[in-house]
């Protein structure tokens, strides 16, 4: 194992900071785990060491390195993993994020998507660093259970996945999204814009534009809340295309 240094975007590896995301990494993507570092005071060392042995992953005790890599005092485990590429499934529904800029929001959206049963995330670049430890940590390791794919433009995404019904979430969308009128479609793409600017007007002609009704007391919903509401409505059993 080469010398481990603080994370840089250009590196070919990244970190999980904490026991829970590290275990999620090992259980979901063991082939990409390079090593696991455990603090000497970690209370569940035996079980984690056993898991690492089963997956033939080097597990080492190294308090100094953990303090060097993590700025959190309560971080007792670090996983080192290779960055990897995925492709979205053609026959699964997607969430598409256009230029997401905040790593904490991105991680929370990933965790929310997994919680709603959506396991394919498209990212239109430029965007926040998917593999930054902050993103990984805010996803609580859900990142490793999802498929992700980067695209240079929304057109590139649509060219590769043309059969999905597209729903763009916009403040000036033409359709109000509510429980009773949420479209029933077997294969959908839910598209959300940047935290600061949302989607520009060109997206009004991409599929069906929708907006989430809100009070006039705020100018917009937080992107993570909007994704949670949209994902819930489109995956809620009462809106399933298989309902009889």
C-alpha atoms as a PDB file:
ATOM      1  CA  UNK A   1       0.000   0.000   0.000  1.00  0.00           C
ATOM      2  CA  UNK A   2       1.517   3.315  -1.065  1.00  0.00           C
ATOM      3  CA  UNK A   3       1.738   6.237   1.327  1.00  0.00           C
ATOM      4  CA  UNK A   4      -1.743   7.542   2.149  1.00  0.00           C
ATOM      5  CA  UNK A   5      -2.177  11.302   1.842  1.00  0.00           C
ATOM      6  CA  UNK A   6      -5.076  13.692   2.552  1.00  0.00           C
ATOM      7  CA  UNK A   7      -7.722  13.504  -0.156  1.00  0.00           C
ATOM      8  CA  UNK A   8      -7.291  15.291  -3.481  1.00  0.00           C
ATOM      9  CA  UNK A   9      -9.843  15.279  -6.294  1.00  0.00           C
ATOM     10  CA  UNK A  10      -7.272  14.171  -8.842  1.00  0.00           C
ATOM     11  CA  UNK A  11      -6.257  11.079  -6.884  1.00  0.00           C
ATOM     12  CA  UNK A  12      -7.374   7.642  -8.056  1.00  0.00           C
ATOM     13  CA  UNK A  13      -8.529   6.688  -4.547  1.00  0.00           C
ATOM     14  CA  UNK A  14     -10.675   8.128  -1.769  1.00  0.00           C
ATOM     15  CA  UNK A  15     -11.785   7.411   1.797  1.00  0.00           C
ATOM     16  CA  UNK A  16     -14.729   6.385   3.885  1.00  0.00           C
ATOM     17  CA  UNK A  17     -14.601   8.212   7.211  1.00  0.00           C
ATOM     18  CA  UNK A  18     -16.310   6.224   9.945  1.00  0.00           C
ATOM     19  CA  UNK A  19     -17.227   2.622  10.682  1.00  0.00           C
ATOM     20  CA  UNK A  20     -20.703   2.588   9.134  1.00  0.00           C
ATOM     21  CA  UNK A  21     -19.794   3.864   5.633  1.00  0.00           C
ATOM     22  CA  UNK A  22     -16.693   1.668   5.660  1.00  0.00           C
ATOM     23  CA  UNK A  23     -18.783  -1.430   6.368  1.00  0.00           C
ATOM     24  CA  UNK A  24     -21.207  -0.376   3.613  1.00  0.00           C
ATOM     25  CA  UNK A  25     -18.208  -0.098   1.273  1.00  0.00           C
ATOM     26  CA  UNK A  26     -16.936  -3.559   2.180  1.00  0.00           C
ATOM     27  CA  UNK A  27     -20.353  -5.176   1.859  1.00  0.00           C
ATOM     28  CA  UNK A  28     -21.232  -3.472  -1.446  1.00  0.00           C
ATOM     29  CA  UNK A  29     -17.952  -2.942  -3.318  1.00  0.00           C
ATOM     30  CA  UNK A  30     -15.298  -5.177  -1.721  1.00  0.00           C
ATOM     31  CA  UNK A  31     -13.341  -5.445  -4.971  1.00  0.00           C
ATOM     32  CA  UNK A  32     -12.428  -1.747  -4.765  1.00  0.00           C
ATOM     33  CA  UNK A  33     -11.268  -1.665  -1.125  1.00  0.00           C
ATOM     34  CA  UNK A  34      -7.505  -1.229  -0.835  1.00  0.00           C
ATOM     35  CA  UNK A  35      -7.188  -1.189   2.966  1.00  0.00           C
ATOM     36  CA  UNK A  36      -9.014  -0.439   6.209  1.00  0.00           C
ATOM     37  CA  UNK A  37      -7.403   1.501   9.058  1.00  0.00           C
ATOM     38  CA  UNK A  38      -8.784   1.068  12.574  1.00  0.00           C
ATOM     39  CA  UNK A  39      -8.172   3.238  15.628  1.00  0.00           C
ATOM     40  CA  UNK A  40      -6.821   1.382  18.677  1.00  0.00           C
ATOM     41  CA  UNK A  41      -9.798   2.569  20.769  1.00  0.00           C
ATOM     42  CA  UNK A  42     -12.485   1.357  18.331  1.00  0.00           C
ATOM     43  CA  UNK A  43     -14.837  -0.850  20.332  1.00  0.00           C
ATOM     44  CA  UNK A  44     -15.842  -3.304  17.586  1.00  0.00           C
ATOM     45  CA  UNK A  45     -12.430  -4.152  16.196  1.00  0.00           C
ATOM     46  CA  UNK A  46     -12.891  -7.922  16.250  1.00  0.00           C
ATOM     47  CA  UNK A  47     -15.986  -7.947  14.023  1.00  0.00           C
ATOM     48  CA  UNK A  48     -14.508  -5.462  11.563  1.00  0.00           C
ATOM     49  CA  UNK A  49     -11.238  -7.396  11.395  1.00  0.00           C
ATOM     50  CA  UNK A  50     -13.221 -10.583  10.746  1.00  0.00           C
ATOM     51  CA  UNK A  51     -15.147  -8.925   7.908  1.00  0.00           C
ATOM     52  CA  UNK A  52     -11.900  -7.718   6.359  1.00  0.00           C
ATOM     53  CA  UNK A  53     -10.325 -11.187   6.597  1.00  0.00           C
ATOM     54  CA  UNK A  54     -13.349 -12.735   4.886  1.00  0.00           C
ATOM     55  CA  UNK A  55     -12.963 -10.289   1.975  1.00  0.00           C
ATOM     56  CA  UNK A  56      -9.133 -10.535   1.993  1.00  0.00           C
ATOM     57  CA  UNK A  57      -8.821  -6.810   2.721  1.00  0.00           C
ATOM     58  CA  UNK A  58      -5.757  -5.537   4.636  1.00  0.00           C
ATOM     59  CA  UNK A  59      -6.850  -4.206   8.047  1.00  0.00           C
ATOM     60  CA  UNK A  60      -4.352  -2.212  10.087  1.00  0.00           C
ATOM     61  CA  UNK A  61      -4.326  -0.316  13.368  1.00  0.00           C
ATOM     62  CA  UNK A  62      -2.955   3.164  12.783  1.00  0.00           C
ATOM     63  CA  UNK A  63      -4.115   5.982  15.079  1.00  0.00           C
ATOM     64  CA  UNK A  64      -1.682   8.509  13.614  1.00  0.00           C
ATOM     65  CA  UNK A  65      -2.880   8.054  10.040  1.00  0.00           C
ATOM     66  CA  UNK A  66      -6.545   8.314  11.043  1.00  0.00           C
ATOM     67  CA  UNK A  67      -5.876  11.643  12.770  1.00  0.00           C
ATOM     68  CA  UNK A  68      -3.953  12.807   9.706  1.00  0.00           C
ATOM     69  CA  UNK A  69      -6.709  11.969   7.221  1.00  0.00           C
ATOM     70  CA  UNK A  70      -9.824  12.861   9.233  1.00  0.00           C
ATOM     71  CA  UNK A  71     -10.543  16.172  10.959  1.00  0.00           C
ATOM     72  CA  UNK A  72     -13.321  14.535  13.020  1.00  0.00           C
ATOM     73  CA  UNK A  73     -12.435  13.536  16.563  1.00  0.00           C
ATOM     74  CA  UNK A  74     -15.023  10.742  16.534  1.00  0.00           C
ATOM     75  CA  UNK A  75     -13.634   9.004  13.440  1.00  0.00           C
ATOM     76  CA  UNK A  76     -12.313   5.567  14.413  1.00  0.00           C
ATOM     77  CA  UNK A  77     -12.266   3.774  11.048  1.00  0.00           C
ATOM     78  CA  UNK A  78     -11.085   4.775   7.580  1.00  0.00           C
ATOM     79  CA  UNK A  79     -11.541   2.740   4.423  1.00  0.00           C
ATOM     80  CA  UNK A  80      -9.356   3.395   1.395  1.00  0.00           C
ATOM     81  CA  UNK A  81     -10.956   2.531  -1.935  1.00  0.00           C
ATOM     82  CA  UNK A  82     -10.274   2.906  -5.643  1.00  0.00           C
ATOM     83  CA  UNK A  83     -12.532   5.271  -7.543  1.00  0.00           C
ATOM     84  CA  UNK A  84     -14.648   3.408 -10.062  1.00  0.00           C
ATOM     85  CA  UNK A  85     -16.992   3.974 -12.995  1.00  0.00           C
ATOM     86  CA  UNK A  86     -20.570   2.741 -13.450  1.00  0.00           C
ATOM     87  CA  UNK A  87     -23.292   2.793 -16.082  1.00  0.00           C
ATOM     88  CA  UNK A  88     -26.947   3.432 -15.372  1.00  0.00           C
ATOM     89  CA  UNK A  89     -29.377   0.586 -15.998  1.00  0.00           C
ATOM     90  CA  UNK A  90     -31.496   1.019 -19.117  1.00  0.00           C
ATOM     91  CA  UNK A  91     -34.539  -0.620 -17.536  1.00  0.00           C
ATOM     92  CA  UNK A  92     -34.468   1.232 -14.200  1.00  0.00           C
ATOM     93  CA  UNK A  93     -35.756   4.689 -13.298  1.00  0.00           C
ATOM     94  CA  UNK A  94     -33.195   7.451 -12.754  1.00  0.00           C
ATOM     95  CA  UNK A  95     -32.600  10.640 -10.826  1.00  0.00           C
ATOM     96  CA  UNK A  96     -30.621  13.173 -12.873  1.00  0.00           C
ATOM     97  CA  UNK A  97     -28.845  16.064 -11.152  1.00  0.00           C
ATOM     98  CA  UNK A  98     -27.805  19.005 -13.335  1.00  0.00           C
ATOM     99  CA  UNK A  99     -24.622  20.679 -12.023  1.00  0.00           C
ATOM    100  CA  UNK A 100     -25.083  19.898  -8.297  1.00  0.00           C
ATOM    101  CA  UNK A 101     -22.586  22.038  -6.436  1.00  0.00           C
ATOM    102  CA  UNK A 102     -22.700  21.010  -2.776  1.00  0.00           C
ATOM    103  CA  UNK A 103     -21.071  17.774  -1.644  1.00  0.00           C
ATOM    104  CA  UNK A 104     -23.195  17.473   1.493  1.00  0.00           C
ATOM    105  CA  UNK A 105     -26.386  17.873  -0.532  1.00  0.00           C
ATOM    106  CA  UNK A 106     -25.175  15.373  -3.106  1.00  0.00           C
ATOM    107  CA  UNK A 107     -24.492  12.754  -0.450  1.00  0.00           C
ATOM    108  CA  UNK A 108     -27.867  13.333   1.201  1.00  0.00           C
ATOM    109  CA  UNK A 109     -29.639  13.004  -2.168  1.00  0.00           C
ATOM    110  CA  UNK A 110     -27.852   9.714  -2.811  1.00  0.00           C
ATOM    111  CA  UNK A 111     -28.966   8.381   0.564  1.00  0.00           C
ATOM    112  CA  UNK A 112     -32.535   9.593  -0.053  1.00  0.00           C
ATOM    113  CA  UNK A 113     -32.625   7.983  -3.507  1.00  0.00           C
ATOM    114  CA  UNK A 114     -31.531   4.641  -2.084  1.00  0.00           C
ATOM    115  CA  UNK A 115     -34.141   4.967   0.649  1.00  0.00           C
ATOM    116  CA  UNK A 116     -36.840   5.442  -2.011  1.00  0.00           C
ATOM    117  CA  UNK A 117     -35.633   2.515  -4.093  1.00  0.00           C
ATOM    118  CA  UNK A 118     -33.987   4.509  -6.906  1.00  0.00           C
ATOM    119  CA  UNK A 119     -30.501   3.151  -7.528  1.00  0.00           C
ATOM    120  CA  UNK A 120     -29.379   5.035 -10.653  1.00  0.00           C
ATOM    121  CA  UNK A 121     -28.053   8.618 -10.453  1.00  0.00           C
ATOM    122  CA  UNK A 122     -27.035  10.631 -13.501  1.00  0.00           C
ATOM    123  CA  UNK A 123     -24.764  13.646 -12.976  1.00  0.00           C
ATOM    124  CA  UNK A 124     -24.480  16.460 -15.522  1.00  0.00           C
ATOM    125  CA  UNK A 125     -21.048  18.067 -15.242  1.00  0.00           C
ATOM    126  CA  UNK A 126     -19.627  20.272 -13.923  1.00  0.00           C
ATOM    127  CA  UNK A 127     -20.723  18.961 -10.554  1.00  0.00           C
ATOM    128  CA  UNK A 128     -19.649  18.331  -6.986  1.00  0.00           C
ATOM    129  CA  UNK A 129     -17.047  15.624  -6.420  1.00  0.00           C
ATOM    130  CA  UNK A 130     -18.940  12.352  -6.026  1.00  0.00           C
ATOM    131  CA  UNK A 131     -16.020  10.619  -4.326  1.00  0.00           C
ATOM    132  CA  UNK A 132     -15.000  13.387  -1.943  1.00  0.00           C
ATOM    133  CA  UNK A 133     -15.033  11.948   1.598  1.00  0.00           C
ATOM    134  CA  UNK A 134     -17.608  14.620   2.543  1.00  0.00           C
ATOM    135  CA  UNK A 135     -19.994  13.298  -0.114  1.00  0.00           C
ATOM    136  CA  UNK A 136     -19.353   9.706   0.892  1.00  0.00           C
ATOM    137  CA  UNK A 137     -19.900  10.451   4.561  1.00  0.00           C
ATOM    138  CA  UNK A 138     -23.126  12.404   4.035  1.00  0.00           C
ATOM    139  CA  UNK A 139     -24.442   9.509   1.959  1.00  0.00           C
ATOM    140  CA  UNK A 140     -23.705   7.209   4.941  1.00  0.00           C
ATOM    141  CA  UNK A 141     -22.200   4.759   2.477  1.00  0.00           C
ATOM    142  CA  UNK A 142     -25.345   4.575   0.305  1.00  0.00           C
ATOM    143  CA  UNK A 143     -23.125   5.721  -2.580  1.00  0.00           C
ATOM    144  CA  UNK A 144     -21.758   2.183  -2.832  1.00  0.00           C
ATOM    145  CA  UNK A 145     -25.219   0.683  -3.333  1.00  0.00           C
ATOM    146  CA  UNK A 146     -26.057   2.918  -6.301  1.00  0.00           C
ATOM    147  CA  UNK A 147     -24.984   3.151  -9.913  1.00  0.00           C
ATOM    148  CA  UNK A 148     -23.768   6.558 -11.084  1.00  0.00           C
ATOM    149  CA  UNK A 149     -22.726   8.006 -14.414  1.00  0.00           C
ATOM    150  CA  UNK A 150     -21.379  11.402 -15.472  1.00  0.00           C
ATOM    151  CA  UNK A 151     -22.493  13.202 -18.634  1.00  0.00           C
ATOM    152  CA  UNK A 152     -21.143  16.330 -20.290  1.00  0.00           C
ATOM    153  CA  UNK A 153     -24.671  17.547 -21.109  1.00  0.00           C
ATOM    154  CA  UNK A 154     -28.307  16.616 -20.621  1.00  0.00           C
ATOM    155  CA  UNK A 155     -28.459  15.853 -24.345  1.00  0.00           C
ATOM    156  CA  UNK A 156     -25.766  13.226 -23.890  1.00  0.00           C
ATOM    157  CA  UNK A 157     -27.822  11.651 -21.131  1.00  0.00           C
ATOM    158  CA  UNK A 158     -30.995  11.636 -23.295  1.00  0.00           C
ATOM    159  CA  UNK A 159     -29.139  10.186 -26.279  1.00  0.00           C
ATOM    160  CA  UNK A 160     -27.999   7.256 -24.149  1.00  0.00           C
ATOM    161  CA  UNK A 161     -31.287   6.767 -22.289  1.00  0.00           C
ATOM    162  CA  UNK A 162     -34.030   7.868 -24.708  1.00  0.00           C
ATOM    163  CA  UNK A 163     -36.915   5.691 -23.485  1.00  0.00           C
ATOM    164  CA  UNK A 164     -37.371   7.223 -20.031  1.00  0.00           C
ATOM    165  CA  UNK A 165     -40.264   9.596 -19.367  1.00  0.00           C
ATOM    166  CA  UNK A 166     -38.570  12.828 -18.284  1.00  0.00           C
ATOM    167  CA  UNK A 167     -39.949  15.033 -15.499  1.00  0.00           C
ATOM    168  CA  UNK A 168     -38.106  18.290 -14.861  1.00  0.00           C
ATOM    169  CA  UNK A 169     -38.611  19.950 -11.471  1.00  0.00           C
ATOM    170  CA  UNK A 170     -38.864  23.729 -11.965  1.00  0.00           C
ATOM    171  CA  UNK A 171     -40.327  26.692 -10.097  1.00  0.00           C
ATOM    172  CA  UNK A 172     -42.057  27.714 -13.331  1.00  0.00           C
ATOM    173  CA  UNK A 173     -43.054  24.182 -14.291  1.00  0.00           C
ATOM    174  CA  UNK A 174     -46.388  23.848 -16.068  1.00  0.00           C
ATOM    175  CA  UNK A 175     -47.801  21.016 -13.939  1.00  0.00           C
ATOM    176  CA  UNK A 176     -48.414  21.011 -10.200  1.00  0.00           C
ATOM    177  CA  UNK A 177     -47.054  17.832  -8.634  1.00  0.00           C
ATOM    178  CA  UNK A 178     -49.435  16.435  -6.007  1.00  0.00           C
ATOM    179  CA  UNK A 179     -50.197  12.998  -4.624  1.00  0.00           C
ATOM    180  CA  UNK A 180     -53.468  12.670  -6.499  1.00  0.00           C
ATOM    181  CA  UNK A 181     -52.052  13.646  -9.895  1.00  0.00           C
ATOM    182  CA  UNK A 182     -48.517  12.260  -9.846  1.00  0.00           C
ATOM    183  CA  UNK A 183     -48.024  10.593 -13.257  1.00  0.00           C
ATOM    184  CA  UNK A 184     -48.011   6.807 -13.334  1.00  0.00           C
ATOM    185  CA  UNK A 185     -45.108   5.680 -15.470  1.00  0.00           C
ATOM    186  CA  UNK A 186     -43.020   2.548 -15.300  1.00  0.00           C
ATOM    187  CA  UNK A 187     -39.712   4.150 -16.336  1.00  0.00           C
ATOM    188  CA  UNK A 188     -38.953   7.751 -15.378  1.00  0.00           C
ATOM    189  CA  UNK A 189     -36.132  10.261 -15.076  1.00  0.00           C
ATOM    190  CA  UNK A 190     -36.568  12.908 -12.369  1.00  0.00           C
ATOM    191  CA  UNK A 191     -34.413  15.911 -13.254  1.00  0.00           C
ATOM    192  CA  UNK A 192     -33.280  18.534 -10.707  1.00  0.00           C
ATOM    193  CA  UNK A 193     -31.134  21.623 -11.132  1.00  0.00           C
ATOM    194  CA  UNK A 194     -28.340  23.316  -9.242  1.00  0.00           C
ATOM    195  CA  UNK A 195     -28.976  24.469  -5.664  1.00  0.00           C
ATOM    196  CA  UNK A 196     -28.596  28.143  -6.572  1.00  0.00           C
ATOM    197  CA  UNK A 197     -30.039  28.430 -10.071  1.00  0.00           C
ATOM    198  CA  UNK A 198     -32.287  25.419 -10.613  1.00  0.00           C
ATOM    199  CA  UNK A 199     -32.999  24.429 -14.214  1.00  0.00           C
ATOM    200  CA  UNK A 200     -33.007  27.064 -16.936  1.00  0.00           C
ATOM    201  CA  UNK A 201     -35.999  27.589 -19.230  1.00  0.00           C
ATOM    202  CA  UNK A 202     -34.639  25.259 -21.893  1.00  0.00           C
ATOM    203  CA  UNK A 203     -35.749  22.386 -19.679  1.00  0.00           C
ATOM    204  CA  UNK A 204     -39.404  23.438 -20.010  1.00  0.00           C
ATOM    205  CA  UNK A 205     -39.448  21.567 -23.313  1.00  0.00           C
ATOM    206  CA  UNK A 206     -37.667  18.474 -21.979  1.00  0.00           C
ATOM    207  CA  UNK A 207     -40.423  15.999 -21.186  1.00  0.00           C
ATOM    208  CA  UNK A 208     -42.957  17.211 -18.605  1.00  0.00           C
ATOM    209  CA  UNK A 209     -42.099  20.179 -16.377  1.00  0.00           C
ATOM    210  CA  UNK A 210     -43.518  20.007 -12.838  1.00  0.00           C
ATOM    211  CA  UNK A 211     -43.365  22.124  -9.719  1.00  0.00           C
ATOM    212  CA  UNK A 212     -43.897  21.270  -6.073  1.00  0.00           C
ATOM    213  CA  UNK A 213     -46.464  23.627  -4.529  1.00  0.00           C
ATOM    214  CA  UNK A 214     -45.140  25.674  -1.613  1.00  0.00           C
ATOM    215  CA  UNK A 215     -46.100  28.694   0.444  1.00  0.00           C
ATOM    216  CA  UNK A 216     -44.989  32.188  -0.637  1.00  0.00           C
ATOM    217  CA  UNK A 217     -42.921  32.493   2.554  1.00  0.00           C
ATOM    218  CA  UNK A 218     -39.856  30.918   0.869  1.00  0.00           C
ATOM    219  CA  UNK A 219     -38.406  31.398  -2.584  1.00  0.00           C
ATOM    220  CA  UNK A 220     -37.679  27.700  -3.144  1.00  0.00           C
ATOM    221  CA  UNK A 221     -37.272  24.363  -1.423  1.00  0.00           C
ATOM    222  CA  UNK A 222     -33.841  22.978  -0.574  1.00  0.00           C
ATOM    223  CA  UNK A 223     -32.720  20.614  -3.347  1.00  0.00           C
ATOM    224  CA  UNK A 224     -32.492  17.639  -0.978  1.00  0.00           C
ATOM    225  CA  UNK A 225     -36.085  18.226   0.181  1.00  0.00           C
ATOM    226  CA  UNK A 226     -37.319  18.597  -3.399  1.00  0.00           C
ATOM    227  CA  UNK A 227     -35.652  15.341  -4.431  1.00  0.00           C
ATOM    228  CA  UNK A 228     -37.125  13.578  -1.407  1.00  0.00           C
ATOM    229  CA  UNK A 229     -40.654  14.764  -2.200  1.00  0.00           C
ATOM    230  CA  UNK A 230     -40.358  13.960  -5.900  1.00  0.00           C
ATOM    231  CA  UNK A 231     -38.815  10.535  -5.344  1.00  0.00           C
ATOM    232  CA  UNK A 232     -41.468   9.649  -2.754  1.00  0.00           C
ATOM    233  CA  UNK A 233     -44.381  10.628  -4.987  1.00  0.00           C
ATOM    234  CA  UNK A 234     -43.065   8.750  -8.008  1.00  0.00           C
ATOM    235  CA  UNK A 235     -42.229   5.600  -6.035  1.00  0.00           C
ATOM    236  CA  UNK A 236     -45.115   5.636  -3.554  1.00  0.00           C
ATOM    237  CA  UNK A 237     -47.196   2.436  -3.822  1.00  0.00           C
ATOM    238  CA  UNK A 238     -50.408   4.380  -4.484  1.00  0.00           C
ATOM    239  CA  UNK A 239     -48.736   5.760  -7.606  1.00  0.00           C
ATOM    240  CA  UNK A 240     -47.239   2.513  -8.828  1.00  0.00           C
ATOM    241  CA  UNK A 241     -47.894   1.729 -12.492  1.00  0.00           C
ATOM    242  CA  UNK A 242     -48.615  -1.828 -11.381  1.00  0.00           C
ATOM    243  CA  UNK A 243     -51.534  -0.907  -9.133  1.00  0.00           C
ATOM    244  CA  UNK A 244     -54.793  -2.651  -9.962  1.00  0.00           C
END
